[in-house]
Amino acid sequence: MKMTQLSATAAAVEKITPLVPEAPQSVMPRAVQVVTAALPVLGPDAAWGTITLPHADRHRRRIRLATDDGRSFLLDLREAVRLADGDRLMLDQGGHVVVRAAPEAVIEAETADRRDLVRVAWHLGNRHVPLAVTTHIVTPRLRISRDLVARDLLGRLGAHLTETVAPFDPEPILGAAGIAAGDEHGHSHGHHDHGHHDHGHAMKASAAVDLVGGTGADTARAAWQIGNRHRPVQVVDGWRIRASDEPLVRRIAAALGLRVLPAADAFEPEPGAYADHGHHH
């Protein structure tokens, strides 16, 4: 009898209680475009969150990620892009995620003479060592990811080194048509020593130009950019470098806001020392 009553009650409840449809599964937002930090936010587009990543994890094309507060989204780009601090990942459902560079182990290099700092920057570029040029008060510093081989190179070049923890946001590669080179924010394949690129002979002044203007940090950036493309430079002083007169060099100068002047003297490039190719981390 009791079982019959319970069955009747259950049937009555089923009649008066509507079935609740299953909630549709939410579609994960997709980040389909990168807007660089240099471009302003236009319109009502709102930040959906931030994501903090170290340098090694900021060269991606397609991967599931999570914002700093734990919300998942899919990075789904046409090609791999080097993400820089402040870049915005535009979501297909509206809004964007702001990229932040995570603090990590880095080495900061300083020199007593500004000219030496520019020379060190060129050597790092010539070996494809990713570099960030920072400024402490008015003094430029060179920041690289902590690496035993690069630290040894910096020591041999006479730089004063400090190991610390800080965000690492390397310089973008400049100079290709359209200013940024093909692999976006960072052309950071394994770094090598190129001592065999010793351009010891002097070139005629008519074949060279001087890059001047800007700050000491800009001069160091230019030297690194030119070295990264295996072009020689002559460091005239901390605010002037001499390089071969070619479109690549002029594009780099334009991107950094440097003036290009005819070289008054012969071009005597820096020697590319330290040709020890075997390296390990």
C-alpha atoms as a PDB file:
ATOM      1  CA  MET A   1       0.000   0.000   0.000  1.00  0.00           C
ATOM      2  CA  LYS A   2       2.738   2.379   0.955  1.00  0.00           C
ATOM      3  CA  MET A   3       4.603   1.658  -2.290  1.00  0.00           C
ATOM      4  CA  THR A   4       1.464   2.404  -4.300  1.00  0.00           C
ATOM      5  CA  GLN A   5       1.049   5.761  -2.565  1.00  0.00           C
ATOM      6  CA  LEU A   6       4.681   6.701  -3.181  1.00  0.00           C
ATOM      7  CA  SER A   7       4.379   5.824  -6.892  1.00  0.00           C
ATOM      8  CA  ALA A   8       1.251   7.934  -7.223  1.00  0.00           C
ATOM      9  CA  THR A   9       2.903  10.864  -5.477  1.00  0.00           C
ATOM     10  CA  ALA A  10       5.945  10.642  -7.759  1.00  0.00           C
ATOM     11  CA  ALA A  11       3.718  10.566 -10.828  1.00  0.00           C
ATOM     12  CA  ALA A  12       1.833  13.638  -9.629  1.00  0.00           C
ATOM     13  CA  VAL A  13       5.032  15.546  -8.996  1.00  0.00           C
ATOM     14  CA  GLU A  14       6.268  14.627 -12.467  1.00  0.00           C
ATOM     15  CA  LYS A  15       3.106  16.057 -13.997  1.00  0.00           C
ATOM     16  CA  ILE A  16       3.373  19.440 -12.303  1.00  0.00           C
ATOM     17  CA  THR A  17       7.181  19.843 -12.418  1.00  0.00           C
ATOM     18  CA  PRO A  18       8.390  20.916 -15.877  1.00  0.00           C
ATOM     19  CA  LEU A  19      11.544  19.348 -17.168  1.00  0.00           C
ATOM     20  CA  VAL A  20      14.445  21.818 -16.931  1.00  0.00           C
ATOM     21  CA  PRO A  21      16.336  21.784 -20.238  1.00  0.00           C
ATOM     22  CA  GLU A  22      20.061  21.234 -20.035  1.00  0.00           C
ATOM     23  CA  ALA A  23      22.016  24.462 -20.206  1.00  0.00           C
ATOM     24  CA  PRO A  24      23.843  24.726 -23.525  1.00  0.00           C
ATOM     25  CA  GLN A  25      27.565  24.252 -23.217  1.00  0.00           C
ATOM     26  CA  SER A  26      29.343  27.586 -23.314  1.00  0.00           C
ATOM     27  CA  VAL A  27      31.729  28.063 -26.203  1.00  0.00           C
ATOM     28  CA  MET A  28      35.273  28.856 -25.140  1.00  0.00           C
ATOM     29  CA  PRO A  29      36.319  32.350 -26.251  1.00  0.00           C
ATOM     30  CA  ARG A  30      38.955  32.417 -28.992  1.00  0.00           C
ATOM     31  CA  ALA A  31      41.723  34.996 -29.251  1.00  0.00           C
ATOM     32  CA  VAL A  32      42.013  35.490 -33.001  1.00  0.00           C
ATOM     33  CA  GLN A  33      44.050  38.680 -33.349  1.00  0.00           C
ATOM     34  CA  VAL A  34      46.925  40.466 -31.619  1.00  0.00           C
ATOM     35  CA  VAL A  35      46.908  44.241 -31.260  1.00  0.00           C
ATOM     36  CA  THR A  36      50.287  45.598 -30.217  1.00  0.00           C
ATOM     37  CA  ALA A  37      50.686  47.653 -27.079  1.00  0.00           C
ATOM     38  CA  ALA A  38      51.684  50.683 -29.163  1.00  0.00           C
ATOM     39  CA  LEU A  39      48.191  50.971 -30.667  1.00  0.00           C
ATOM     40  CA  PRO A  40      45.436  52.679 -28.644  1.00  0.00           C
ATOM     41  CA  VAL A  41      42.233  50.964 -27.561  1.00  0.00           C
ATOM     42  CA  LEU A  42      39.443  52.116 -29.878  1.00  0.00           C
ATOM     43  CA  GLY A  43      35.753  52.082 -29.019  1.00  0.00           C
ATOM     44  CA  PRO A  44      34.107  50.381 -26.041  1.00  0.00           C
ATOM     45  CA  ASP A  45      36.271  47.251 -26.240  1.00  0.00           C
ATOM     46  CA  ALA A  46      36.826  46.122 -22.644  1.00  0.00           C
ATOM     47  CA  ALA A  47      39.579  44.101 -21.006  1.00  0.00           C
ATOM     48  CA  TRP A  48      38.352  40.577 -20.272  1.00  0.00           C
ATOM     49  CA  GLY A  49      41.376  39.816 -18.141  1.00  0.00           C
ATOM     50  CA  THR A  50      45.164  39.610 -18.073  1.00  0.00           C
ATOM     51  CA  ILE A  51      47.558  36.739 -18.686  1.00  0.00           C
ATOM     52  CA  THR A  52      51.082  36.751 -17.276  1.00  0.00           C
ATOM     53  CA  LEU A  53      53.649  34.667 -19.146  1.00  0.00           C
ATOM     54  CA  PRO A  54      57.460  34.338 -19.166  1.00  0.00           C
ATOM     55  CA  HIS A  55      59.385  35.154 -22.327  1.00  0.00           C
ATOM     56  CA  ALA A  56      59.708  31.494 -23.394  1.00  0.00           C
ATOM     57  CA  ASP A  57      55.900  31.067 -23.396  1.00  0.00           C
ATOM     58  CA  ARG A  58      55.073  34.203 -25.371  1.00  0.00           C
ATOM     59  CA  HIS A  59      55.746  32.835 -28.880  1.00  0.00           C
ATOM     60  CA  ARG A  60      52.580  30.913 -29.718  1.00  0.00           C
ATOM     61  CA  ARG A  61      50.043  30.230 -32.429  1.00  0.00           C
ATOM     62  CA  ARG A  62      47.403  27.883 -31.022  1.00  0.00           C
ATOM     63  CA  ILE A  63      47.128  26.811 -27.407  1.00  0.00           C
ATOM     64  CA  ARG A  64      44.595  26.731 -24.584  1.00  0.00           C
ATOM     65  CA  LEU A  65      45.422  29.405 -22.018  1.00  0.00           C
ATOM     66  CA  ALA A  66      43.907  30.760 -18.811  1.00  0.00           C
ATOM     67  CA  THR A  67      43.754  34.323 -17.578  1.00  0.00           C
ATOM     68  CA  ASP A  68      45.351  35.243 -14.277  1.00  0.00           C
ATOM     69  CA  ASP A  69      41.957  34.819 -12.579  1.00  0.00           C
ATOM     70  CA  GLY A  70      41.459  31.348 -14.082  1.00  0.00           C
ATOM     71  CA  ARG A  71      39.165  31.855 -17.102  1.00  0.00           C
ATOM     72  CA  SER A  72      40.039  29.658 -20.072  1.00  0.00           C
ATOM     73  CA  PHE A  73      40.318  30.779 -23.678  1.00  0.00           C
ATOM     74  CA  LEU A  74      41.871  29.467 -26.864  1.00  0.00           C
ATOM     75  CA  LEU A  75      44.688  31.326 -28.561  1.00  0.00           C
ATOM     76  CA  ASP A  76      43.945  30.662 -32.220  1.00  0.00           C
ATOM     77  CA  LEU A  77      46.134  32.741 -34.545  1.00  0.00           C
ATOM     78  CA  ARG A  78      46.980  32.268 -38.213  1.00  0.00           C
ATOM     79  CA  GLU A  79      50.689  32.142 -37.425  1.00  0.00           C
ATOM     80  CA  ALA A  80      52.933  32.143 -34.384  1.00  0.00           C
ATOM     81  CA  VAL A  81      53.471  35.614 -32.937  1.00  0.00           C
ATOM     82  CA  ARG A  82      55.951  36.873 -30.372  1.00  0.00           C
ATOM     83  CA  LEU A  83      53.771  38.472 -27.700  1.00  0.00           C
ATOM     84  CA  ALA A  84      55.108  41.515 -25.886  1.00  0.00           C
ATOM     85  CA  ASP A  85      54.116  43.062 -22.590  1.00  0.00           C
ATOM     86  CA  GLY A  86      50.981  45.138 -23.098  1.00  0.00           C
ATOM     87  CA  ASP A  87      49.838  43.411 -26.294  1.00  0.00           C
ATOM     88  CA  ARG A  88      46.097  42.701 -26.468  1.00  0.00           C
ATOM     89  CA  LEU A  89      44.587  39.382 -27.543  1.00  0.00           C
ATOM     90  CA  MET A  90      41.280  40.215 -29.247  1.00  0.00           C
ATOM     91  CA  LEU A  91      38.484  37.745 -28.475  1.00  0.00           C
ATOM     92  CA  ASP A  92      35.917  36.614 -31.039  1.00  0.00           C
ATOM     93  CA  GLN A  93      33.143  37.160 -28.474  1.00  0.00           C
ATOM     94  CA  GLY A  94      34.216  40.712 -27.711  1.00  0.00           C
ATOM     95  CA  GLY A  95      36.750  42.125 -25.285  1.00  0.00           C
ATOM     96  CA  HIS A  96      40.438  41.398 -25.037  1.00  0.00           C
ATOM     97  CA  VAL A  97      43.069  39.823 -22.804  1.00  0.00           C
ATOM     98  CA  VAL A  98      46.114  41.922 -21.906  1.00  0.00           C
ATOM     99  CA  VAL A  99      49.483  40.151 -22.027  1.00  0.00           C
ATOM    100  CA  ARG A 100      51.874  40.782 -19.133  1.00  0.00           C
ATOM    101  CA  ALA A 101      55.549  39.760 -18.997  1.00  0.00           C
ATOM    102  CA  ALA A 102      56.198  37.603 -15.946  1.00  0.00           C
ATOM    103  CA  PRO A 103      59.200  38.308 -13.719  1.00  0.00           C
ATOM    104  CA  GLU A 104      61.977  35.821 -14.436  1.00  0.00           C
ATOM    105  CA  ALA A 105      65.701  35.284 -13.953  1.00  0.00           C
ATOM    106  CA  VAL A 106      67.629  37.854 -15.990  1.00  0.00           C
ATOM    107  CA  ILE A 107      71.079  39.414 -16.257  1.00  0.00           C
ATOM    108  CA  GLU A 108      71.525  43.171 -16.497  1.00  0.00           C
ATOM    109  CA  ALA A 109      74.713  44.568 -18.024  1.00  0.00           C
ATOM    110  CA  GLU A 110      76.207  48.020 -17.543  1.00  0.00           C
ATOM    111  CA  THR A 111      79.481  49.599 -18.619  1.00  0.00           C
ATOM    112  CA  ALA A 112      81.409  52.606 -17.361  1.00  0.00           C
ATOM    113  CA  ASP A 113      81.607  54.008 -20.893  1.00  0.00           C
ATOM    114  CA  ARG A 114      78.479  54.484 -23.040  1.00  0.00           C
ATOM    115  CA  ARG A 115      80.452  53.540 -26.143  1.00  0.00           C
ATOM    116  CA  ASP A 116      81.298  50.160 -24.640  1.00  0.00           C
ATOM    117  CA  LEU A 117      77.622  49.498 -23.908  1.00  0.00           C
ATOM    118  CA  VAL A 118      76.727  50.098 -27.565  1.00  0.00           C
ATOM    119  CA  ARG A 119      79.542  47.764 -28.618  1.00  0.00           C
ATOM    120  CA  VAL A 120      78.253  45.057 -26.245  1.00  0.00           C
ATOM    121  CA  ALA A 121      74.756  45.465 -27.719  1.00  0.00           C
ATOM    122  CA  TRP A 122      76.106  44.862 -31.225  1.00  0.00           C
ATOM    123  CA  HIS A 123      77.942  41.700 -30.120  1.00  0.00           C
ATOM    124  CA  LEU A 124      74.738  40.350 -28.520  1.00  0.00           C
ATOM    125  CA  GLY A 125      72.802  41.081 -31.691  1.00  0.00           C
ATOM    126  CA  ASN A 126      75.471  39.443 -33.859  1.00  0.00           C
ATOM    127  CA  ARG A 127      74.969  36.279 -31.782  1.00  0.00           C
ATOM    128  CA  HIS A 128      71.147  36.487 -31.869  1.00  0.00           C
ATOM    129  CA  VAL A 129      70.833  36.903 -28.093  1.00  0.00           C
ATOM    130  CA  PRO A 130      67.365  38.364 -27.335  1.00  0.00           C
ATOM    131  CA  LEU A 131      67.862  41.736 -25.662  1.00  0.00           C
ATOM    132  CA  ALA A 132      65.825  44.333 -23.809  1.00  0.00           C
ATOM    133  CA  VAL A 133      67.308  47.816 -23.453  1.00  0.00           C
ATOM    134  CA  THR A 134      66.135  49.421 -20.236  1.00  0.00           C
ATOM    135  CA  THR A 135      66.998  52.732 -18.627  1.00  0.00           C
ATOM    136  CA  HIS A 136      67.922  53.258 -14.986  1.00  0.00           C
ATOM    137  CA  ILE A 137      67.502  57.005 -14.330  1.00  0.00           C
ATOM    138  CA  VAL A 138      69.430  58.137 -17.441  1.00  0.00           C
ATOM    139  CA  THR A 139      71.815  55.205 -17.849  1.00  0.00           C
ATOM    140  CA  PRO A 140      70.913  52.490 -20.399  1.00  0.00           C
ATOM    141  CA  ARG A 141      71.160  48.878 -19.313  1.00  0.00           C
ATOM    142  CA  LEU A 142      71.120  45.699 -21.355  1.00  0.00           C
ATOM    143  CA  ARG A 143      68.855  42.935 -20.051  1.00  0.00           C
ATOM    144  CA  ILE A 144      69.029  39.336 -21.253  1.00  0.00           C
ATOM    145  CA  SER A 145      67.563  36.088 -20.057  1.00  0.00           C
ATOM    146  CA  ARG A 146      69.875  34.327 -17.611  1.00  0.00           C
ATOM    147  CA  ASP A 147      72.219  32.192 -19.707  1.00  0.00           C
ATOM    148  CA  LEU A 148      75.692  30.869 -18.868  1.00  0.00           C
ATOM    149  CA  VAL A 149      77.185  31.361 -22.327  1.00  0.00           C
ATOM    150  CA  ALA A 150      75.827  34.891 -22.708  1.00  0.00           C
ATOM    151  CA  ARG A 151      76.981  35.756 -19.189  1.00  0.00           C
ATOM    152  CA  ASP A 152      80.493  34.605 -20.066  1.00  0.00           C
ATOM    153  CA  LEU A 153      80.440  36.688 -23.256  1.00  0.00           C
ATOM    154  CA  LEU A 154      79.317  39.793 -21.367  1.00  0.00           C
ATOM    155  CA  GLY A 155      82.086  39.289 -18.826  1.00  0.00           C
ATOM    156  CA  ARG A 156      84.723  39.020 -21.536  1.00  0.00           C
ATOM    157  CA  LEU A 157      83.411  42.216 -23.112  1.00  0.00           C
ATOM    158  CA  GLY A 158      84.021  44.028 -19.829  1.00  0.00           C
ATOM    159  CA  ALA A 159      80.422  44.585 -18.752  1.00  0.00           C
ATOM    160  CA  HIS A 160      79.420  44.824 -15.097  1.00  0.00           C
ATOM    161  CA  LEU A 161      76.734  42.177 -14.497  1.00  0.00           C
ATOM    162  CA  THR A 162      73.838  41.979 -12.055  1.00  0.00           C
ATOM    163  CA  GLU A 163      71.631  38.905 -11.770  1.00  0.00           C
ATOM    164  CA  THR A 164      68.076  39.691 -10.735  1.00  0.00           C
ATOM    165  CA  VAL A 165      64.429  38.795 -11.287  1.00  0.00           C
ATOM    166  CA  ALA A 166      62.439  41.100 -13.564  1.00  0.00           C
ATOM    167  CA  PRO A 167      60.082  41.002 -16.560  1.00  0.00           C
ATOM    168  CA  PHE A 168      61.920  40.237 -19.804  1.00  0.00           C
ATOM    169  CA  ASP A 169      60.430  41.866 -22.878  1.00  0.00           C
ATOM    170  CA  PRO A 170      62.992  41.715 -25.724  1.00  0.00           C
ATOM    171  CA  GLU A 171      63.307  44.246 -28.510  1.00  0.00           C
ATOM    172  CA  PRO A 172      61.264  43.480 -31.654  1.00  0.00           C
ATOM    173  CA  ILE A 173      63.182  42.788 -34.833  1.00  0.00           C
ATOM    174  CA  LEU A 174      63.168  45.842 -37.095  1.00  0.00           C
ATOM    175  CA  GLY A 175      64.314  46.500 -40.616  1.00  0.00           C
ATOM    176  CA  ALA A 176      62.258  44.261 -42.899  1.00  0.00           C
ATOM    177  CA  ALA A 177      59.787  45.809 -45.318  1.00  0.00           C
ATOM    178  CA  GLY A 178      56.988  47.070 -43.107  1.00  0.00           C
ATOM    179  CA  ILE A 179      59.473  47.613 -40.224  1.00  0.00           C
ATOM    180  CA  ALA A 180      58.944  44.399 -38.245  1.00  0.00           C
ATOM    181  CA  ALA A 181      60.627  41.260 -39.517  1.00  0.00           C
ATOM    182  CA  GLY A 182      58.767  38.113 -40.437  1.00  0.00           C
ATOM    183  CA  ASP A 183      58.780  36.377 -37.086  1.00  0.00           C
ATOM    184  CA  GLU A 184      57.130  39.305 -35.348  1.00  0.00           C
ATOM    185  CA  HIS A 185      58.286  40.442 -31.914  1.00  0.00           C
ATOM    186  CA  GLY A 186      61.332  38.267 -31.547  1.00  0.00           C
ATOM    187  CA  HIS A 187      63.773  36.591 -33.884  1.00  0.00           C
ATOM    188  CA  SER A 188      65.246  34.495 -31.108  1.00  0.00           C
ATOM    189  CA  HIS A 189      66.674  31.315 -32.502  1.00  0.00           C
ATOM    190  CA  GLY A 190      69.645  29.850 -30.692  1.00  0.00           C
ATOM    191  CA  HIS A 191      72.419  32.377 -30.319  1.00  0.00           C
ATOM    192  CA  HIS A 192      75.787  31.721 -31.862  1.00  0.00           C
ATOM    193  CA  ASP A 193      79.173  33.311 -31.929  1.00  0.00           C
ATOM    194  CA  HIS A 194      80.171  34.774 -35.272  1.00  0.00           C
ATOM    195  CA  GLY A 195      83.845  35.510 -34.909  1.00  0.00           C
ATOM    196  CA  HIS A 196      84.368  34.651 -38.568  1.00  0.00           C
ATOM    197  CA  HIS A 197      82.402  37.811 -39.393  1.00  0.00           C
ATOM    198  CA  ASP A 198      85.475  39.919 -38.741  1.00  0.00           C
ATOM    199  CA  HIS A 199      85.159  42.861 -41.089  1.00  0.00           C
ATOM    200  CA  GLY A 200      88.579  44.209 -40.235  1.00  0.00           C
ATOM    201  CA  HIS A 201      89.119  46.211 -43.407  1.00  0.00           C
ATOM    202  CA  ALA A 202      88.052  49.824 -43.662  1.00  0.00           C
ATOM    203  CA  MET A 203      85.351  50.827 -46.138  1.00  0.00           C
ATOM    204  CA  LYS A 204      85.145  54.100 -47.983  1.00  0.00           C
ATOM    205  CA  ALA A 205      83.177  56.822 -46.241  1.00  0.00           C
ATOM    206  CA  SER A 206      80.942  57.160 -49.308  1.00  0.00           C
ATOM    207  CA  ALA A 207      79.674  53.588 -48.703  1.00  0.00           C
ATOM    208  CA  ALA A 208      78.819  54.259 -45.051  1.00  0.00           C
ATOM    209  CA  VAL A 209      76.422  56.380 -43.018  1.00  0.00           C
ATOM    210  CA  ASP A 210      76.251  57.582 -39.430  1.00  0.00           C
ATOM    211  CA  LEU A 211      73.165  56.990 -37.306  1.00  0.00           C
ATOM    212  CA  VAL A 212      72.769  59.812 -34.801  1.00  0.00           C
ATOM    213  CA  GLY A 213      70.184  61.404 -32.543  1.00  0.00           C
ATOM    214  CA  GLY A 214      67.906  59.853 -29.967  1.00  0.00           C
ATOM    215  CA  THR A 215      69.206  58.589 -26.655  1.00  0.00           C
ATOM    216  CA  GLY A 216      72.027  56.272 -25.692  1.00  0.00           C
ATOM    217  CA  ALA A 217      69.393  53.550 -25.365  1.00  0.00           C
ATOM    218  CA  ASP A 218      68.306  54.162 -28.973  1.00  0.00           C
ATOM    219  CA  THR A 219      71.907  53.892 -30.167  1.00  0.00           C
ATOM    220  CA  ALA A 220      72.296  50.580 -28.322  1.00  0.00           C
ATOM    221  CA  ARG A 221      69.038  49.331 -29.857  1.00  0.00           C
ATOM    222  CA  ALA A 222      70.249  50.266 -33.342  1.00  0.00           C
ATOM    223  CA  ALA A 223      73.563  48.486 -32.817  1.00  0.00           C
ATOM    224  CA  TRP A 224      71.768  45.345 -31.634  1.00  0.00           C
ATOM    225  CA  GLN A 225      69.332  45.433 -34.554  1.00  0.00           C
ATOM    226  CA  ILE A 226      72.119  45.803 -37.123  1.00  0.00           C
ATOM    227  CA  GLY A 227      74.210  43.092 -35.470  1.00  0.00           C
ATOM    228  CA  ASN A 228      71.206  40.773 -35.419  1.00  0.00           C
ATOM    229  CA  ARG A 229      71.129  40.981 -39.215  1.00  0.00           C
ATOM    230  CA  HIS A 230      74.869  40.224 -39.460  1.00  0.00           C
ATOM    231  CA  ARG A 231      75.815  43.733 -40.546  1.00  0.00           C
ATOM    232  CA  PRO A 232      78.987  45.331 -39.175  1.00  0.00           C
ATOM    233  CA  VAL A 233      79.033  48.612 -37.264  1.00  0.00           C
ATOM    234  CA  GLN A 234      81.611  51.029 -35.998  1.00  0.00           C
ATOM    235  CA  VAL A 235      80.818  52.589 -32.629  1.00  0.00           C
ATOM    236  CA  VAL A 236      81.940  56.183 -33.042  1.00  0.00           C
ATOM    237  CA  ASP A 237      80.680  57.212 -29.597  1.00  0.00           C
ATOM    238  CA  GLY A 238      77.757  56.485 -27.287  1.00  0.00           C
ATOM    239  CA  TRP A 239      75.348  58.420 -29.498  1.00  0.00           C
ATOM    240  CA  ARG A 240      76.685  57.671 -32.993  1.00  0.00           C
ATOM    241  CA  ILE A 241      77.281  54.443 -34.887  1.00  0.00           C
ATOM    242  CA  ARG A 242      78.540  53.962 -38.427  1.00  0.00           C
ATOM    243  CA  ALA A 243      77.184  51.294 -40.752  1.00  0.00           C
ATOM    244  CA  SER A 244      77.055  50.443 -44.426  1.00  0.00           C
ATOM    245  CA  ASP A 245      74.635  52.570 -46.450  1.00  0.00           C
ATOM    246  CA  GLU A 246      71.870  50.135 -47.374  1.00  0.00           C
ATOM    247  CA  PRO A 247      68.059  50.111 -47.171  1.00  0.00           C
ATOM    248  CA  LEU A 248      67.979  47.768 -44.153  1.00  0.00           C
ATOM    249  CA  VAL A 249      70.116  50.130 -42.074  1.00  0.00           C
ATOM    250  CA  ARG A 250      68.016  53.123 -43.111  1.00  0.00           C
ATOM    251  CA  ARG A 251      64.779  51.307 -42.170  1.00  0.00           C
ATOM    252  CA  ILE A 252      66.178  50.449 -38.744  1.00  0.00           C
ATOM    253  CA  ALA A 253      67.196  54.087 -38.227  1.00  0.00           C
ATOM    254  CA  ALA A 254      63.737  55.308 -39.273  1.00  0.00           C
ATOM    255  CA  ALA A 255      61.990  52.860 -36.930  1.00  0.00           C
ATOM    256  CA  LEU A 256      64.080  54.124 -33.994  1.00  0.00           C
ATOM    257  CA  GLY A 257      63.817  57.792 -34.916  1.00  0.00           C
ATOM    258  CA  LEU A 258      67.526  58.186 -35.682  1.00  0.00           C
ATOM    259  CA  ARG A 259      68.918  60.537 -38.320  1.00  0.00           C
ATOM    260  CA  VAL A 260      71.057  59.156 -41.142  1.00  0.00           C
ATOM    261  CA  LEU A 261      74.034  61.301 -42.152  1.00  0.00           C
ATOM    262  CA  PRO A 262      76.863  60.678 -44.607  1.00  0.00           C
ATOM    263  CA  ALA A 263      79.915  59.288 -42.827  1.00  0.00           C
ATOM    264  CA  ALA A 264      82.661  61.878 -42.625  1.00  0.00           C
ATOM    265  CA  ASP A 265      85.443  59.320 -42.138  1.00  0.00           C
ATOM    266  CA  ALA A 266      86.313  55.825 -43.280  1.00  0.00           C
ATOM    267  CA  PHE A 267      84.186  52.961 -41.965  1.00  0.00           C
ATOM    268  CA  GLU A 268      86.247  50.729 -39.652  1.00  0.00           C
ATOM    269  CA  PRO A 269      83.888  48.015 -38.354  1.00  0.00           C
ATOM    270  CA  GLU A 270      84.105  46.416 -34.951  1.00  0.00           C
ATOM    271  CA  PRO A 271      85.918  43.071 -35.019  1.00  0.00           C
ATOM    272  CA  GLY A 272      83.645  40.091 -34.413  1.00  0.00           C
ATOM    273  CA  ALA A 273      85.642  38.378 -31.665  1.00  0.00           C
ATOM    274  CA  TYR A 274      85.028  35.177 -29.662  1.00  0.00           C
ATOM    275  CA  ALA A 275      84.484  32.542 -32.342  1.00  0.00           C
ATOM    276  CA  ASP A 276      83.676  29.708 -29.926  1.00  0.00           C
ATOM    277  CA  HIS A 277      80.657  28.056 -31.541  1.00  0.00           C
ATOM    278  CA  GLY A 278      80.002  25.268 -29.065  1.00  0.00           C
ATOM    279  CA  HIS A 279      77.729  26.483 -26.319  1.00  0.00           C
ATOM    280  CA  HIS A 280      75.486  24.959 -23.730  1.00  0.00           C
ATOM    281  CA  HIS A 281      73.071  26.261 -21.107  1.00  0.00           C
END
